[in-house]
Amino acid sequence: MPPPRAVNIMLGRSGRDAPADERSPRRVDTKERALGDSEQAATSADLSAGARSSAPPRATDVELAVLVLADGVRPDVLTALSDAGELPNITRHVLAEGSYLDGVTVLPSVTDVAYLPMLTVQYPGTANIPGIRWVDKSRFKSGRLFVTAARSYVGAAHLRFNGDLHPGLETLFELCPSSFAVRSDIHRGLSHGRNRFHHLSIPFMFFSHYLKRADFIDRLAMGSLMRATQRMRDDLPRFVFVPLLDVDTASHAYGPHHRRTIAAYRRLDAAIGAIIQRLRTLGVWRRTHLLVSSDHGHTATHEHLNLRRLVSELGYSVLEHPNVYRRWADAAVMISGNSFANIYLASEGKWDGPLTGQTLWREHPRLLDALSRRVEVEWPAYRSDAGLIEIASASGRARVGRENGWYAYHYDGEDPLRLGLAHTRVPASAALQVTAETGFPDALEQMWHLFESRRAGDIVVTSKPGYDLRGRREIPEHHSSHGALCRDHMRVPILSNRPLRNEGPVRTVDLFPTVASSLGLAPTKPHFGRSLWP
């Protein structure tokens, strides 16, 4: 067999060398246009603490909706490979007939946590899952052998993910009881036996990490899907969720542009082709809505900051996974995706509730100052005493507030987020528009809602591209990371075999109501998405 063609994937920020075509989302003309929206429009979209309600459902011709979550796929790599003819199934059966949109994911941009918007139409903070590792300070006691108030969903504890969700949210499986999933950690509402390969995947996930490959896991998942659809051919579900891990695992192991990672993109295309062929065989492809998206991007990692060691060297006794037993711990460092961390701190020896700015600067000034000045750290963020979110750097400090459907953004010195929004108010409905092309897309919305979770850290830290926050415990070494708010972690592709509305920037939280609308359904609880179904 001849070697595969070389593909140029070292693209710029736009993700394409060629000019934008009809598949690319319409760009917003100016920030001023978005800021000119009326206050009435902003507040009408913000119900129940910033959430919105749904329009009545309409009848459609769709009998089956399939959401393939291609974990860790970068939009620029995917579009470059498609343009080069390397992804024939995606190009021919999805892009040629439907839509391609540039989407924005959530903070933290990490596996499982970033599935939340698609399956619960909530952000991580509002779902009360602020990372793949977190501490509930209200229940935490250091020195205990079994720490019930801390989580690490890496390993067997991912079985507890579903039970940790906010009890008031609605899953897509609850909205559409006729659903089926393969290895989904979010499965509330799925009938018994309808979440295939979930428990059985635990040992395979362990070996996947150390073997630096997940192609065999995806093959097992696809085999389970194919067998199940064959058995259910006379009574197919209405919604199917299929997460595939191959690209993400290869990216961590080798880097986002490595030839082995590119091979994983080709295997993803083959898997999508197999799904389409099965639906054709079953005679339902023309009545199927197929969506393909990702939960986060990736950036190559060249240097590692041992965040635990940094905190320890400042005199703290630090709890960090996998060593969760530490007597008299007064700090906890919980890292997600290697580029995002929740830091929790005791106050005067007590683990009570979240700490705010005045207490942090009074009791932990050396830590905040060290984090603000480290070259590897983008910025630390924390709650202020005035109910705002503060973001600090060595040269400036910014504040994010929200009231009556408007965000307020102010800063002193240099703007840590470099948003170009000097001392302004932004309608919440325009928060994505005015930040979509910045280095931190959707910064206002994501920062604000992350800290709505009391499980979010006293301090949240993200690393700059090229660095991560995990030290000696990361075996094997990661060569690519994600989890932060930076552009290359937040931007994801959204592909649909049916045309979608193309009205500016979109979020992955829009996928839930889009799937629902295509099935003639609508979310029944307040949520943060908007349907893209025409």
Protein backbone atom coordinates (compact mmCIF):
# COMPACT_ATOMS: atom_id res chain seq x y z
CA MET A 1 0.00 0.00 0.00
CA PRO A 2 1.46 3.42 -0.90
CA PRO A 3 2.15 5.80 2.00
CA PRO A 4 -0.60 8.36 2.74
CA ARG A 5 -0.25 11.77 1.19
CA ALA A 6 1.45 14.43 3.25
CA VAL A 7 -1.02 16.99 4.47
CA ASN A 8 -0.22 20.60 5.36
CA ILE A 9 -1.99 21.18 8.69
CA MET A 10 0.14 23.97 10.11
CA LEU A 11 -2.53 26.57 9.57
CA GLY A 12 -3.23 29.98 11.01
CA ARG A 13 -5.96 31.04 13.39
CA SER A 14 -8.69 30.76 10.78
CA GLY A 15 -8.07 27.04 10.33
CA ARG A 16 -7.94 27.34 6.51
CA ASP A 17 -5.50 28.59 3.89
CA ALA A 18 -8.27 29.22 1.37
CA PRO A 19 -10.84 32.01 1.74
CA ALA A 20 -13.93 31.20 3.77
CA ASP A 21 -16.67 29.46 1.78
CA GLU A 22 -20.33 28.79 2.27
CA ARG A 23 -19.65 26.28 5.04
CA SER A 24 -17.98 28.84 7.28
CA PRO A 25 -20.08 30.72 9.83
CA ARG A 26 -20.96 34.31 9.02
CA ARG A 27 -18.61 36.69 10.81
CA VAL A 28 -19.95 39.44 13.01
CA ASP A 29 -19.45 42.79 11.33
CA THR A 30 -18.23 44.70 14.37
CA LYS A 31 -18.17 44.50 18.13
CA GLU A 32 -20.06 47.77 18.21
CA ARG A 33 -22.97 46.19 16.35
CA ALA A 34 -23.27 43.49 18.99
CA LEU A 35 -22.95 46.00 21.81
CA GLY A 36 -25.76 48.02 20.25
CA ASP A 37 -28.37 45.33 20.90
CA SER A 38 -31.21 46.53 23.04
CA GLU A 39 -31.38 45.83 26.75
CA GLN A 40 -34.79 44.27 26.20
CA ALA A 41 -33.29 41.70 23.83
CA ALA A 42 -30.55 40.91 26.32
CA THR A 43 -32.79 40.44 29.30
CA SER A 44 -35.49 38.48 27.48
CA ALA A 45 -32.98 35.73 26.70
CA ASP A 46 -31.92 35.47 30.34
CA LEU A 47 -34.39 33.50 32.44
CA SER A 48 -33.69 31.71 35.71
CA ALA A 49 -30.21 33.06 36.50
CA GLY A 50 -29.14 33.52 32.92
CA ALA A 51 -30.83 30.50 31.37
CA ARG A 52 -33.49 30.62 28.66
CA SER A 53 -36.68 28.76 27.79
CA SER A 54 -37.49 26.97 24.53
CA ALA A 55 -39.90 27.74 21.72
CA PRO A 56 -42.63 25.14 21.12
CA PRO A 57 -41.37 22.15 19.08
CA ARG A 58 -42.23 21.74 15.41
CA ALA A 59 -42.77 18.54 13.45
CA THR A 60 -39.82 17.36 11.30
CA ASP A 61 -39.00 14.50 8.94
CA VAL A 62 -36.19 13.23 11.21
CA GLU A 63 -36.72 9.84 12.84
CA LEU A 64 -33.23 9.36 14.27
CA ALA A 65 -30.60 11.80 15.58
CA VAL A 66 -27.00 10.61 16.03
CA LEU A 67 -24.38 12.69 17.88
CA VAL A 68 -20.79 11.54 17.35
CA LEU A 69 -18.50 13.24 19.84
CA ALA A 70 -15.00 13.14 18.37
CA ASP A 71 -13.00 13.85 21.51
CA GLY A 72 -10.09 16.28 21.09
CA VAL A 73 -10.59 17.11 17.40
CA ARG A 74 -9.16 20.46 16.30
CA PRO A 75 -11.21 22.27 13.64
CA ASP A 76 -8.16 23.37 11.65
CA VAL A 77 -6.76 19.84 11.41
CA LEU A 78 -10.13 18.38 10.47
CA THR A 79 -10.84 20.95 7.75
CA ALA A 80 -7.31 20.68 6.35
CA LEU A 81 -7.62 16.92 6.07
CA SER A 82 -11.07 17.23 4.53
CA ASP A 83 -9.84 19.75 1.97
CA ALA A 84 -6.98 17.39 1.11
CA GLY A 85 -9.39 14.49 0.49
CA GLU A 86 -8.20 12.54 3.51
CA LEU A 87 -11.65 12.31 5.17
CA PRO A 88 -13.88 11.05 2.34
CA ASN A 89 -16.86 9.98 4.48
CA ILE A 90 -17.09 13.23 6.41
CA THR A 91 -16.59 15.27 3.25
CA ARG A 92 -19.01 13.37 1.00
CA HIS A 93 -21.81 12.44 3.38
CA VAL A 94 -21.78 15.28 5.92
CA LEU A 95 -20.14 18.46 4.64
CA ALA A 96 -21.32 18.18 1.04
CA GLU A 97 -24.96 17.89 2.05
CA GLY A 98 -25.09 19.80 5.32
CA SER A 99 -23.26 22.41 7.38
CA TYR A 100 -19.92 23.18 8.96
CA LEU A 101 -19.82 25.68 11.84
CA ASP A 102 -16.98 26.84 14.05
CA GLY A 103 -18.11 26.22 17.61
CA VAL A 104 -16.92 27.22 21.07
CA THR A 105 -16.81 24.75 23.96
CA VAL A 106 -16.85 25.41 27.73
CA LEU A 107 -14.45 26.10 30.60
CA PRO A 108 -12.85 23.83 31.62
CA SER A 109 -12.38 22.39 28.14
CA VAL A 110 -11.80 18.79 29.24
CA THR A 111 -13.19 15.34 28.45
CA ASP A 112 -16.47 14.37 30.14
CA VAL A 113 -16.90 17.83 31.67
CA ALA A 114 -17.17 19.36 28.19
CA TYR A 115 -19.77 16.71 27.25
CA LEU A 116 -22.13 18.47 29.68
CA PRO A 117 -23.38 21.22 27.35
CA MET A 118 -24.27 18.71 24.64
CA LEU A 119 -26.11 16.27 26.92
CA THR A 120 -27.49 18.56 29.66
CA VAL A 121 -27.61 22.01 27.93
CA GLN A 122 -25.72 23.37 30.96
CA TYR A 123 -22.24 24.74 31.60
CA PRO A 124 -19.85 22.89 33.95
CA GLY A 125 -20.47 25.42 36.70
CA THR A 126 -24.25 25.28 36.49
CA ALA A 127 -24.11 21.46 36.33
CA ASN A 128 -21.89 21.60 39.47
CA ILE A 129 -19.02 19.67 37.82
CA PRO A 130 -16.17 22.25 37.66
CA GLY A 131 -13.49 19.84 36.41
CA ILE A 132 -12.50 16.20 36.17
CA ARG A 133 -10.98 16.72 39.62
CA TRP A 134 -12.59 18.82 42.34
CA VAL A 135 -13.17 19.23 46.08
CA ASP A 136 -16.42 20.02 47.86
CA LYS A 137 -15.06 22.17 50.69
CA SER A 138 -18.32 22.08 52.62
CA ARG A 139 -17.88 18.31 53.15
CA PHE A 140 -14.10 17.93 52.98
CA LYS A 141 -12.00 16.74 55.92
CA SER A 142 -8.26 16.20 55.46
CA GLY A 143 -6.52 13.17 56.87
CA ARG A 144 -9.29 10.68 56.13
CA LEU A 145 -8.44 7.43 54.38
CA PHE A 146 -11.58 7.63 52.23
CA VAL A 147 -12.12 11.15 50.90
CA THR A 148 -15.77 11.31 49.89
CA ALA A 149 -15.81 15.05 49.18
CA ALA A 150 -13.15 14.95 46.45
CA ARG A 151 -13.32 13.51 42.96
CA SER A 152 -11.02 12.40 40.20
CA TYR A 153 -12.96 11.05 37.24
CA VAL A 154 -9.76 9.57 35.82
CA GLY A 155 -10.18 5.89 36.60
CA ALA A 156 -13.01 3.99 38.27
CA ALA A 157 -14.42 7.16 39.86
CA HIS A 158 -15.82 8.16 36.46
CA LEU A 159 -18.70 5.84 37.39
CA ARG A 160 -19.72 8.50 39.95
CA PHE A 161 -19.90 11.30 37.40
CA ASN A 162 -23.58 10.78 36.67
CA GLY A 163 -24.54 10.91 40.35
CA ASP A 164 -22.60 14.12 40.93
CA LEU A 165 -24.68 16.13 38.44
CA HIS A 166 -26.91 18.92 39.67
CA PRO A 167 -30.26 17.22 40.43
CA GLY A 168 -32.32 19.93 38.73
CA LEU A 169 -30.90 19.68 35.23
CA GLU A 170 -32.41 17.74 32.32
CA THR A 171 -30.40 15.30 30.22
CA LEU A 172 -31.07 14.69 26.56
CA PHE A 173 -31.77 11.07 27.49
CA GLU A 174 -34.51 12.20 29.89
CA LEU A 175 -36.02 14.48 27.25
CA CYS A 176 -35.91 11.65 24.69
CA PRO A 177 -36.44 8.36 26.59
CA SER A 178 -35.98 6.39 23.36
CA SER A 179 -32.20 6.86 23.48
CA PHE A 180 -29.07 4.73 23.27
CA ALA A 181 -25.42 5.46 24.12
CA VAL A 182 -22.04 3.79 24.01
CA ARG A 183 -19.75 4.32 27.03
CA SER A 184 -21.37 7.55 28.23
CA ASP A 185 -20.50 8.74 31.74
CA ILE A 186 -23.58 10.97 31.53
CA HIS A 187 -26.46 8.52 31.34
CA ARG A 188 -29.28 9.77 33.54
CA GLY A 189 -32.51 8.86 31.78
CA LEU A 190 -31.11 5.92 29.81
CA SER A 191 -33.01 2.68 30.21
CA HIS A 192 -31.27 -0.40 31.58
CA GLY A 193 -28.95 -1.89 28.98
CA ARG A 194 -29.00 1.25 26.81
CA ASN A 195 -25.51 2.49 27.81
CA ARG A 196 -23.37 -0.18 26.19
CA PHE A 197 -19.73 -0.85 27.09
CA HIS A 198 -19.81 1.57 30.05
CA HIS A 199 -18.66 -0.54 33.01
CA LEU A 200 -16.72 -2.94 30.80
CA SER A 201 -14.59 -0.09 29.47
CA ILE A 202 -12.79 0.57 32.80
CA PRO A 203 -9.85 -1.86 32.35
CA PHE A 204 -9.51 -0.89 28.71
CA MET A 205 -9.28 2.79 29.67
CA PHE A 206 -6.46 1.97 32.10
CA PHE A 207 -4.44 0.18 29.45
CA SER A 208 -5.25 2.87 26.90
CA HIS A 209 -3.51 5.51 28.99
CA TYR A 210 -0.26 3.57 29.35
CA LEU A 211 -0.29 2.16 25.83
CA LYS A 212 -0.87 5.72 24.48
CA ARG A 213 -3.63 4.59 22.14
CA ALA A 214 -7.42 4.33 22.15
CA ASP A 215 -8.08 2.90 18.71
CA PHE A 216 -8.93 -0.50 20.23
CA ILE A 217 -11.43 1.14 22.62
CA ASP A 218 -13.16 2.88 19.73
CA ARG A 219 -13.23 -0.40 17.78
CA LEU A 220 -14.88 -2.15 20.74
CA ALA A 221 -17.35 0.72 21.12
CA MET A 222 -18.19 0.66 17.42
CA GLY A 223 -18.62 -3.11 17.51
CA SER A 224 -21.03 -2.75 20.41
CA LEU A 225 -22.95 -0.07 18.50
CA MET A 226 -23.19 -2.16 15.34
CA ARG A 227 -24.41 -5.25 17.19
CA ALA A 228 -26.98 -3.25 19.13
CA THR A 229 -28.40 -1.48 16.07
CA GLN A 230 -28.68 -4.80 14.28
CA ARG A 231 -30.66 -6.25 17.19
CA MET A 232 -32.86 -3.12 17.40
CA ARG A 233 -33.37 -2.79 13.64
CA ASP A 234 -37.15 -3.16 13.98
CA ASP A 235 -37.36 -0.68 16.86
CA LEU A 236 -34.50 1.81 16.58
CA PRO A 237 -34.00 4.49 19.24
CA ARG A 238 -34.65 8.14 18.34
CA PHE A 239 -31.32 9.43 19.71
CA VAL A 240 -27.88 7.80 19.73
CA PHE A 241 -24.77 9.21 21.43
CA VAL A 242 -21.33 7.88 20.43
CA PRO A 243 -18.15 9.36 22.00
CA LEU A 244 -14.88 8.34 20.27
CA LEU A 245 -11.54 8.82 22.06
CA ASP A 246 -8.86 7.93 19.50
CA VAL A 247 -7.88 11.45 18.41
CA ASP A 248 -7.69 12.80 21.96
CA THR A 249 -5.50 9.97 23.22
CA ALA A 250 -3.14 10.20 20.26
CA SER A 251 -2.91 13.99 20.64
CA HIS A 252 -1.90 13.70 24.31
CA ALA A 253 0.63 11.00 23.53
CA TYR A 254 2.28 12.48 20.45
CA GLY A 255 0.99 16.01 19.81
CA PRO A 256 -1.96 17.44 17.86
CA HIS A 257 -0.18 17.36 14.47
CA HIS A 258 1.82 14.13 14.77
CA ARG A 259 1.41 11.52 12.02
CA ARG A 260 -0.10 9.07 14.53
CA THR A 261 -2.68 11.66 15.49
CA ILE A 262 -3.47 12.27 11.81
CA ALA A 263 -3.96 8.52 11.45
CA ALA A 264 -6.51 8.73 14.28
CA TYR A 265 -8.46 11.37 12.30
CA ARG A 266 -8.59 8.93 9.39
CA ARG A 267 -9.89 6.18 11.68
CA LEU A 268 -12.54 8.63 12.92
CA ASP A 269 -13.63 9.16 9.33
CA ALA A 270 -13.81 5.40 8.80
CA ALA A 271 -15.98 5.04 11.94
CA ILE A 272 -18.38 7.72 10.71
CA GLY A 273 -18.49 5.97 7.35
CA ALA A 274 -19.39 2.69 9.08
CA ILE A 275 -22.23 4.40 10.99
CA ILE A 276 -23.60 5.92 7.79
CA GLN A 277 -23.38 2.60 5.96
CA ARG A 278 -25.25 0.84 8.77
CA LEU A 279 -27.99 3.49 8.66
CA ARG A 280 -28.25 3.05 4.88
CA THR A 281 -28.57 -0.71 5.34
CA LEU A 282 -31.32 -0.14 7.89
CA GLY A 283 -33.05 2.21 5.46
CA VAL A 284 -33.08 5.25 7.79
CA TRP A 285 -30.15 7.38 6.57
CA ARG A 286 -32.37 9.85 4.68
CA ARG A 287 -34.41 10.36 7.86
CA THR A 288 -31.36 10.74 10.10
CA HIS A 289 -29.82 13.89 11.54
CA LEU A 290 -26.10 13.20 12.06
CA LEU A 291 -24.04 15.67 14.10
CA VAL A 292 -20.28 15.42 14.61
CA SER A 293 -18.56 17.69 17.11
CA SER A 294 -15.78 17.82 19.67
CA ASP A 295 -15.45 18.78 23.32
CA HIS A 296 -12.13 20.64 23.10
CA GLY A 297 -9.08 21.32 21.00
CA HIS A 298 -5.39 20.77 21.79
CA THR A 299 -2.08 22.63 21.93
CA ALA A 300 1.37 21.05 21.83
CA THR A 301 3.08 20.91 25.24
CA HIS A 302 6.81 21.57 25.46
CA GLU A 303 7.33 22.34 29.14
CA HIS A 304 5.62 21.23 32.36
CA LEU A 305 5.01 23.36 35.44
CA ASN A 306 4.67 21.21 38.55
CA LEU A 307 1.86 23.22 40.14
CA ARG A 308 1.72 20.99 43.20
CA ARG A 309 5.41 21.59 43.86
CA LEU A 310 5.03 25.34 43.38
CA VAL A 311 2.28 25.42 46.02
CA SER A 312 4.21 23.09 48.33
CA GLU A 313 7.35 25.24 48.16
CA LEU A 314 5.29 28.16 49.47
CA GLY A 315 4.73 26.20 52.68
CA TYR A 316 1.43 24.39 52.01
CA SER A 317 0.64 20.76 52.72
CA VAL A 318 -0.92 19.82 49.38
CA LEU A 319 -3.45 17.16 48.53
CA GLU A 320 -3.28 16.06 44.89
CA HIS A 321 -4.55 13.00 43.06
CA PRO A 322 -3.67 10.17 43.18
CA ASN A 323 -2.37 10.82 46.73
CA VAL A 324 -5.59 11.99 48.37
CA TYR A 325 -4.59 10.94 51.89
CA ARG A 326 -2.58 13.74 53.47
CA ARG A 327 -2.90 14.54 57.11
CA TRP A 328 -3.55 18.20 57.91
CA ALA A 329 -3.64 19.30 54.29
CA ASP A 330 -4.26 23.02 53.94
CA ALA A 331 -4.33 23.13 50.13
CA ALA A 332 -5.65 20.93 47.32
CA VAL A 333 -4.51 21.14 43.68
CA MET A 334 -6.98 19.53 41.26
CA ILE A 335 -5.77 19.52 37.64
CA SER A 336 -7.97 18.87 34.59
CA GLY A 337 -6.71 18.30 31.05
CA ASN A 338 -3.31 19.39 32.35
CA SER A 339 -3.92 23.05 31.45
CA PHE A 340 -6.63 23.87 34.02
CA ALA A 341 -6.55 23.65 37.80
CA ASN A 342 -8.89 24.27 40.71
CA ILE A 343 -6.90 25.27 43.82
CA TYR A 344 -8.64 24.96 47.19
CA LEU A 345 -7.31 26.54 50.38
CA ALA A 346 -8.07 26.23 54.07
CA SER A 347 -8.74 29.45 55.97
CA GLU A 348 -7.30 29.56 59.47
CA GLY A 349 -7.14 25.77 59.40
CA LYS A 350 -10.78 25.29 58.39
CA TRP A 351 -12.28 23.89 55.18
CA ASP A 352 -15.60 25.71 55.04
CA GLY A 353 -16.82 27.44 51.89
CA PRO A 354 -15.27 29.29 48.95
CA LEU A 355 -12.79 32.06 49.78
CA THR A 356 -13.11 35.49 48.20
CA GLY A 357 -10.57 38.11 47.18
CA GLN A 358 -10.09 39.95 50.47
CA THR A 359 -9.47 36.74 52.39
CA LEU A 360 -7.24 35.34 49.65
CA TRP A 361 -5.05 38.43 49.50
CA ARG A 362 -4.89 38.64 53.32
CA GLU A 363 -4.09 34.97 54.00
CA HIS A 364 -2.50 33.77 50.72
CA PRO A 365 -0.78 36.80 49.09
CA ARG A 366 2.44 34.95 48.23
CA LEU A 367 0.52 32.25 46.35
CA LEU A 368 -1.55 34.73 44.34
CA ASP A 369 1.52 36.80 43.55
CA ALA A 370 3.51 33.72 42.49
CA LEU A 371 0.73 32.49 40.22
CA SER A 372 0.32 35.94 38.65
CA ARG A 373 4.04 36.17 37.81
CA ARG A 374 4.82 32.66 36.54
CA VAL A 375 5.62 32.66 32.83
CA GLU A 376 3.80 29.32 32.42
CA VAL A 377 0.53 30.61 33.92
CA GLU A 378 -1.98 32.56 31.84
CA TRP A 379 -3.70 34.02 34.89
CA PRO A 380 -5.34 33.08 38.20
CA ALA A 381 -9.02 33.92 38.71
CA TYR A 382 -11.10 34.01 41.88
CA ARG A 383 -14.33 35.32 43.41
CA SER A 384 -14.29 38.91 44.69
CA ASP A 385 -16.01 40.13 47.85
CA ALA A 386 -18.34 42.26 45.71
CA GLY A 387 -19.78 39.23 43.92
CA LEU A 388 -17.55 39.69 40.86
CA ILE A 389 -14.94 37.47 39.23
CA GLU A 390 -11.39 38.83 39.31
CA ILE A 391 -8.65 37.84 36.89
CA ALA A 392 -5.09 38.80 37.85
CA SER A 393 -1.78 39.07 36.05
CA ALA A 394 1.58 40.64 36.85
CA SER A 395 0.59 43.79 34.94
CA GLY A 396 -3.15 44.18 35.52
CA ARG A 397 -6.35 43.01 37.12
CA ALA A 398 -9.79 42.62 35.51
CA ARG A 399 -13.29 42.23 36.98
CA VAL A 400 -16.31 40.50 35.43
CA GLY A 401 -19.80 41.16 36.78
CA ARG A 402 -23.30 40.35 35.61
CA GLU A 403 -26.64 41.98 36.38
CA ASN A 404 -30.01 42.10 34.63
CA GLY A 405 -28.80 40.32 31.52
CA TRP A 406 -25.65 42.45 31.05
CA TYR A 407 -21.99 41.72 31.68
CA ALA A 408 -19.77 44.47 33.05
CA TYR A 409 -16.06 44.30 32.30
CA HIS A 410 -13.42 46.60 33.82
CA TYR A 411 -9.71 46.37 34.38
CA ASP A 412 -6.79 48.24 35.94
CA GLY A 413 -3.41 48.32 34.23
CA GLU A 414 -3.16 45.94 31.29
CA ASP A 415 -6.15 43.74 30.41
CA PRO A 416 -5.29 40.15 31.46
CA LEU A 417 -7.79 38.77 28.91
CA ARG A 418 -6.85 41.17 26.10
CA LEU A 419 -10.51 41.37 25.02
CA GLY A 420 -10.45 44.94 23.70
CA LEU A 421 -13.50 45.75 25.82
CA ALA A 422 -12.22 48.60 27.93
CA HIS A 423 -14.59 49.42 30.80
CA THR A 424 -17.79 48.43 29.09
CA ARG A 425 -21.14 46.68 29.47
CA VAL A 426 -22.03 43.81 27.14
CA PRO A 427 -25.48 42.24 26.65
CA ALA A 428 -25.27 38.61 27.75
CA SER A 429 -26.84 37.69 24.42
CA ALA A 430 -23.79 39.22 22.68
CA ALA A 431 -21.09 37.84 25.01
CA LEU A 432 -19.92 35.25 22.48
CA GLN A 433 -20.07 37.61 19.50
CA VAL A 434 -17.79 40.24 21.02
CA THR A 435 -15.19 37.72 22.22
CA ALA A 436 -15.31 35.01 19.51
CA GLU A 437 -12.25 36.30 17.62
CA THR A 438 -10.17 37.11 20.73
CA GLY A 439 -7.57 34.89 22.36
CA PHE A 440 -10.15 33.83 24.95
CA PRO A 441 -13.46 33.08 23.16
CA ASP A 442 -16.60 33.42 25.29
CA ALA A 443 -14.51 34.50 28.27
CA LEU A 444 -17.23 36.51 30.01
CA GLU A 445 -19.89 33.79 29.86
CA GLN A 446 -17.57 30.93 30.76
CA MET A 447 -15.75 32.65 33.64
CA TRP A 448 -18.98 33.85 35.20
CA HIS A 449 -20.84 30.55 35.08
CA LEU A 450 -17.85 28.42 36.18
CA PHE A 451 -17.81 30.13 39.56
CA GLU A 452 -21.54 29.50 40.04
CA SER A 453 -20.47 26.08 41.29
CA ARG A 454 -19.47 26.02 44.95
CA ARG A 455 -17.21 23.13 43.98
CA ALA A 456 -15.12 25.46 41.81
CA GLY A 457 -11.74 26.27 43.29
CA ASP A 458 -10.95 29.24 45.49
CA ILE A 459 -8.47 29.99 42.71
CA VAL A 460 -8.73 28.80 39.11
CA VAL A 461 -5.51 28.65 37.10
CA THR A 462 -4.88 28.00 33.41
CA SER A 463 -1.56 27.52 31.67
CA LYS A 464 -0.36 29.27 28.54
CA PRO A 465 -0.15 27.31 25.27
CA GLY A 466 3.05 25.31 25.20
CA TYR A 467 2.92 24.63 28.94
CA ASP A 468 0.85 22.52 31.28
CA LEU A 469 0.40 22.24 35.04
CA ARG A 470 1.12 18.57 35.72
CA GLY A 471 4.52 17.40 36.92
CA ARG A 472 6.12 14.06 37.72
CA ARG A 473 2.84 12.20 38.23
CA GLU A 474 1.95 12.43 34.52
CA ILE A 475 3.19 9.08 33.21
CA PRO A 476 3.52 8.71 30.28
CA GLU A 477 4.47 12.28 29.51
CA HIS A 478 1.84 14.35 27.72
CA HIS A 479 2.89 16.12 24.53
CA SER A 480 -0.39 18.00 24.11
CA SER A 481 -2.79 19.57 26.58
CA HIS A 482 -6.21 21.22 26.88
CA GLY A 483 -8.56 22.54 29.54
CA ALA A 484 -7.81 26.26 29.34
CA LEU A 485 -9.79 29.19 27.93
CA CYS A 486 -7.31 29.86 25.12
CA ARG A 487 -8.52 29.89 21.53
CA ASP A 488 -7.02 26.57 20.44
CA HIS A 489 -8.58 24.75 23.39
CA MET A 490 -12.01 26.40 23.05
CA ARG A 491 -12.62 26.21 19.29
CA VAL A 492 -14.29 23.01 18.06
CA PRO A 493 -15.94 21.92 14.80
CA ILE A 494 -19.69 21.36 14.48
CA LEU A 495 -20.70 19.28 11.46
CA SER A 496 -24.22 18.33 10.40
CA ASN A 497 -25.53 16.29 7.48
CA ARG A 498 -28.55 18.62 7.48
CA PRO A 499 -28.27 22.38 6.88
CA LEU A 500 -28.24 24.42 10.09
CA ARG A 501 -28.93 28.07 10.72
CA ASN A 502 -25.77 30.10 10.18
CA GLU A 503 -26.23 33.25 12.23
CA GLY A 504 -22.89 33.97 13.84
CA PRO A 505 -20.78 32.21 16.47
CA VAL A 506 -22.23 29.13 18.16
CA ARG A 507 -21.54 27.17 21.32
CA THR A 508 -21.56 23.43 21.94
CA VAL A 509 -24.38 24.10 24.41
CA ASP A 510 -26.49 24.79 21.28
CA LEU A 511 -26.26 21.13 20.22
CA PHE A 512 -28.78 19.84 22.78
CA PRO A 513 -31.65 22.08 21.60
CA THR A 514 -30.59 21.48 17.98
CA VAL A 515 -30.88 17.71 18.38
CA ALA A 516 -34.16 18.20 20.24
CA SER A 517 -35.60 20.43 17.51
CA SER A 518 -34.64 18.00 14.77
CA LEU A 519 -36.67 15.35 16.63
CA GLY A 520 -39.63 17.64 17.16
CA LEU A 521 -38.80 18.10 20.87
CA ALA A 522 -37.82 21.03 23.08
CA PRO A 523 -36.00 21.24 26.44
CA THR A 524 -38.46 21.44 29.30
CA LYS A 525 -36.21 23.22 31.82
CA PRO A 526 -34.31 26.55 31.69
CA HIS A 527 -31.09 26.16 29.72
CA PHE A 528 -28.28 28.05 27.98
CA GLY A 529 -28.53 26.86 24.37
CA ARG A 530 -30.34 27.97 21.24
CA SER A 531 -31.48 25.66 18.48
CA LEU A 532 -29.62 25.84 15.17
CA TRP A 533 -32.30 23.78 13.43
CA PRO A 534 -33.76 25.83 10.53
